[in-house]
């Protein structure tokens, strides 16, 4: 009987290791060596520009504390043959040229504009078409003191300073739109946060129920005035007391042929049987007033028509644009220029002084 092999044999017999296991062992060894060695420094990846929100100007206007909002399509208005003579009365070409030179914005080429008024100040927005550099340069030239600039992201630039005696802030968003806050810079800062999608709790005016109720008015009008409720103070007595019950009101203008359609609409909870006669009486009182005479409301092209549903009370009338412009020129033309003029007005020009009536 053969004896078993001794346990203390120092040289055990060799065993053949399969080839594929030998390769696995070599790979594991290489991995361990590379893991213990120095790690290469990661290369910094270029930061992509922050994607800005793209939407109508109302998307950058905060709803909180808004007093009123004016939305307009200046280029569309300027291209209307019906309004050519009326616009020449209100805004003569030399003054529009000077405004374009000093602000960088030619109203005759501006596709969309907005003015939003708050207790803090007023926000002016323009839809840019590649002229952001001109707007920015003109704004910086008007600054008298306190200039501060910042670039929160590559596609946004903001400048703040004093023009005249008032702080103003300019926001340029990737040549898409500009926002100028006259007064508190918070208005421009909020527009920036809306553009950067950084406001989660606050809402722009475009998302409110009252604004959406007039979506068709805004889309079809050449110019529209919007005021959200609730209305207090002197507003309560407006339109025969109807404004006191309205949740919002809009007045829009639209060219129809050779005439101008004016629509005044109020949202709320209406009783057509009672509220239509009230609005009709209020309109007749306005027509008979000195303001109605000034704006040529006594002789409209087509008599006013009042309609109502449960949620909307509306008055529509067709007006003669030239007769209306004559009255507006006498009433507010000087104030319009005061809004448009810049602080570095040159009295040596051949245009009459802006504080005098046109």
Foldseek 3Di string as FASTA:
>chain_A
DDDDDDPPDPDDDDDDDDPVVVVVVVVVVVVVVVVPDDDDDDDDDDDDFQQWDDDDPLLLFFPPQWFKKKKAQQLVQCPDPLCVLLCCLQQNPVLLVVLCQLQVDRSNPFGMWMWIQGPQFIKIKTFFDPSLVSRVVSVVVQADDDWDKDDPTVQKIKIWHDHPHWIKMWIGGNRGMIMITTGDCVSVVSSVCSGSVNDDPTGGPCPDPVNVVCVVLNVQANMKMKGADDDDDPQCPPLNRVSNFFRMKMWGWHDDPSWIKIKIKTFGFDDCVPNQVSNVVNLVVCCPDPLVVLQVVVDAPADKDWDDDRTMTMIMTIHRSNSRSNSCLVPCSLVVSVVSDGRPDDCVDPDHDSNDRD
